[in-house]
Amino acid sequence: MFDNGQDGRVTVTGTATLIVEGQGNGVTIAVLNTHATEVIALGGPDVTFAEGYPLSGGAAIGYVADDGDDLYGISDGSSVVAAVLRQGV
């Protein structure tokens, strides 16, 4: 298990947590909220639970990253595991 912003699993808490560290243009990223019910809010380093993009429990999101696109997540205070997959690194 990786808990450092790389491929694998990252534990997201009530503090903004680095989920994906930007690696370069054209890298495809998939993030899965592995919890059944808890929500993760996604955004930049200053993301808040109220203002972030909500990723519901069991939901996934995919995107193509630009150079330096770091993705952070935050929960409502619970520990929620996000699974991360990168393609094209």
C-alpha atoms as a PDB file:
ATOM      1  CA  MET A   1       0.000   0.000   0.000  1.00  0.00           C
ATOM      2  CA  PHE A   2       1.258   3.457  -0.899  1.00  0.00           C
ATOM      3  CA  ASP A   3       0.220   6.383   1.246  1.00  0.00           C
ATOM      4  CA  ASN A   4       2.294   9.101  -0.381  1.00  0.00           C
ATOM      5  CA  GLY A   5       0.436  10.518  -3.371  1.00  0.00           C
ATOM      6  CA  GLN A   6       1.531   7.755  -5.755  1.00  0.00           C
ATOM      7  CA  ASP A   7      -0.281   4.779  -7.327  1.00  0.00           C
ATOM      8  CA  GLY A   8      -2.011   2.684  -4.736  1.00  0.00           C
ATOM      9  CA  ARG A   9      -4.096   3.826  -1.798  1.00  0.00           C
ATOM     10  CA  VAL A  10      -4.095   7.113   0.052  1.00  0.00           C
ATOM     11  CA  THR A  11      -5.859   7.715   3.356  1.00  0.00           C
ATOM     12  CA  VAL A  12      -7.807  10.990   3.222  1.00  0.00           C
ATOM     13  CA  THR A  13      -8.682  12.708   6.512  1.00  0.00           C
ATOM     14  CA  GLY A  14     -10.128  15.995   7.742  1.00  0.00           C
ATOM     15  CA  THR A  15      -6.972  17.813   6.617  1.00  0.00           C
ATOM     16  CA  ALA A  16      -6.235  18.443   2.919  1.00  0.00           C
ATOM     17  CA  THR A  17      -4.317  15.343   1.809  1.00  0.00           C
ATOM     18  CA  LEU A  18      -2.236  14.962  -1.360  1.00  0.00           C
ATOM     19  CA  ILE A  19      -3.860  12.218  -3.441  1.00  0.00           C
ATOM     20  CA  VAL A  20      -2.085  12.691  -6.775  1.00  0.00           C
ATOM     21  CA  GLU A  21       1.172  14.527  -7.347  1.00  0.00           C
ATOM     22  CA  GLY A  22       1.345  16.061 -10.833  1.00  0.00           C
ATOM     23  CA  GLN A  23       3.644  14.093 -13.111  1.00  0.00           C
ATOM     24  CA  GLY A  24       3.349  15.672 -16.543  1.00  0.00           C
ATOM     25  CA  ASN A  25       1.026  16.373 -19.424  1.00  0.00           C
ATOM     26  CA  GLY A  26      -1.199  13.613 -20.737  1.00  0.00           C
ATOM     27  CA  VAL A  27      -1.117  11.326 -17.700  1.00  0.00           C
ATOM     28  CA  THR A  28      -4.504   9.681 -17.186  1.00  0.00           C
ATOM     29  CA  ILE A  29      -5.574   9.538 -13.538  1.00  0.00           C
ATOM     30  CA  ALA A  30      -8.375   7.526 -11.948  1.00  0.00           C
ATOM     31  CA  VAL A  31      -9.415   8.043  -8.319  1.00  0.00           C
ATOM     32  CA  LEU A  32     -11.870   5.722  -6.556  1.00  0.00           C
ATOM     33  CA  ASN A  33     -13.463   6.487  -3.196  1.00  0.00           C
ATOM     34  CA  THR A  34     -13.315   3.003  -1.638  1.00  0.00           C
ATOM     35  CA  HIS A  35     -15.675   3.805   1.234  1.00  0.00           C
ATOM     36  CA  ALA A  36     -19.295   2.748   0.790  1.00  0.00           C
ATOM     37  CA  THR A  37     -20.882   5.927   2.155  1.00  0.00           C
ATOM     38  CA  GLU A  38     -18.336   8.593   3.149  1.00  0.00           C
ATOM     39  CA  VAL A  39     -17.686  11.486   0.733  1.00  0.00           C
ATOM     40  CA  ILE A  40     -14.272  12.869  -0.259  1.00  0.00           C
ATOM     41  CA  ALA A  41     -14.094  16.486  -1.456  1.00  0.00           C
ATOM     42  CA  LEU A  42     -11.478  17.040  -4.192  1.00  0.00           C
ATOM     43  CA  GLY A  43      -9.559  20.164  -5.148  1.00  0.00           C
ATOM     44  CA  GLY A  44      -6.284  22.021  -4.725  1.00  0.00           C
ATOM     45  CA  PRO A  45      -4.055  22.315  -1.655  1.00  0.00           C
ATOM     46  CA  ASP A  46      -6.537  24.609   0.088  1.00  0.00           C
ATOM     47  CA  VAL A  47      -9.579  22.400  -0.540  1.00  0.00           C
ATOM     48  CA  THR A  48     -12.286  22.389   2.114  1.00  0.00           C
ATOM     49  CA  PHE A  49     -14.951  19.771   2.602  1.00  0.00           C
ATOM     50  CA  ALA A  50     -17.670  22.364   1.936  1.00  0.00           C
ATOM     51  CA  GLU A  51     -16.103  23.817  -1.226  1.00  0.00           C
ATOM     52  CA  GLY A  52     -14.431  20.808  -2.899  1.00  0.00           C
ATOM     53  CA  TYR A  53     -15.764  18.634  -5.699  1.00  0.00           C
ATOM     54  CA  PRO A  54     -17.697  15.842  -3.935  1.00  0.00           C
ATOM     55  CA  LEU A  55     -16.749  12.247  -4.741  1.00  0.00           C
ATOM     56  CA  SER A  56     -19.420  10.033  -3.189  1.00  0.00           C
ATOM     57  CA  GLY A  57     -18.715   6.725  -1.520  1.00  0.00           C
ATOM     58  CA  GLY A  58     -18.000   4.056  -4.139  1.00  0.00           C
ATOM     59  CA  ALA A  59     -17.705   6.622  -6.933  1.00  0.00           C
ATOM     60  CA  ALA A  60     -14.719   7.165  -9.233  1.00  0.00           C
ATOM     61  CA  ILE A  61     -13.459  10.029 -11.341  1.00  0.00           C
ATOM     62  CA  GLY A  62     -10.981  10.039 -14.191  1.00  0.00           C
ATOM     63  CA  TYR A  63      -9.129  12.895 -15.856  1.00  0.00           C
ATOM     64  CA  VAL A  64      -6.099  13.714 -17.960  1.00  0.00           C
ATOM     65  CA  ALA A  65      -3.604  15.732 -15.938  1.00  0.00           C
ATOM     66  CA  ASP A  66      -1.585  18.715 -17.042  1.00  0.00           C
ATOM     67  CA  ASP A  67       1.963  19.234 -15.833  1.00  0.00           C
ATOM     68  CA  GLY A  68       1.986  20.013 -12.125  1.00  0.00           C
ATOM     69  CA  ASP A  69      -1.694  19.179 -11.504  1.00  0.00           C
ATOM     70  CA  ASP A  70      -1.698  18.089  -7.866  1.00  0.00           C
ATOM     71  CA  LEU A  71      -4.993  16.711  -6.566  1.00  0.00           C
ATOM     72  CA  TYR A  72      -5.928  16.962  -2.907  1.00  0.00           C
ATOM     73  CA  GLY A  73      -8.807  15.474  -0.988  1.00  0.00           C
ATOM     74  CA  ILE A  74     -10.436  16.066   2.354  1.00  0.00           C
ATOM     75  CA  SER A  75     -13.106  14.196   4.314  1.00  0.00           C
ATOM     76  CA  ASP A  76     -15.497  15.329   7.012  1.00  0.00           C
ATOM     77  CA  GLY A  77     -12.970  14.069   9.553  1.00  0.00           C
ATOM     78  CA  SER A  78     -13.326  10.351   8.939  1.00  0.00           C
ATOM     79  CA  SER A  79     -10.466   8.303   7.487  1.00  0.00           C
ATOM     80  CA  VAL A  80     -11.443   7.447   3.904  1.00  0.00           C
ATOM     81  CA  VAL A  81      -9.228   5.488   1.507  1.00  0.00           C
ATOM     82  CA  ALA A  82      -8.853   6.673  -2.073  1.00  0.00           C
ATOM     83  CA  ALA A  83      -7.451   4.213  -4.629  1.00  0.00           C
ATOM     84  CA  VAL A  84      -5.318   5.871  -7.326  1.00  0.00           C
ATOM     85  CA  LEU A  85      -4.345   4.549 -10.737  1.00  0.00           C
ATOM     86  CA  ARG A  86      -2.103   6.349 -13.239  1.00  0.00           C
ATOM     87  CA  GLN A  87      -1.584   5.503 -16.866  1.00  0.00           C
ATOM     88  CA  GLY A  88       1.029   6.985 -19.160  1.00  0.00           C
ATOM     89  CA  VAL A  89       3.580   7.949 -16.513  1.00  0.00           C
END
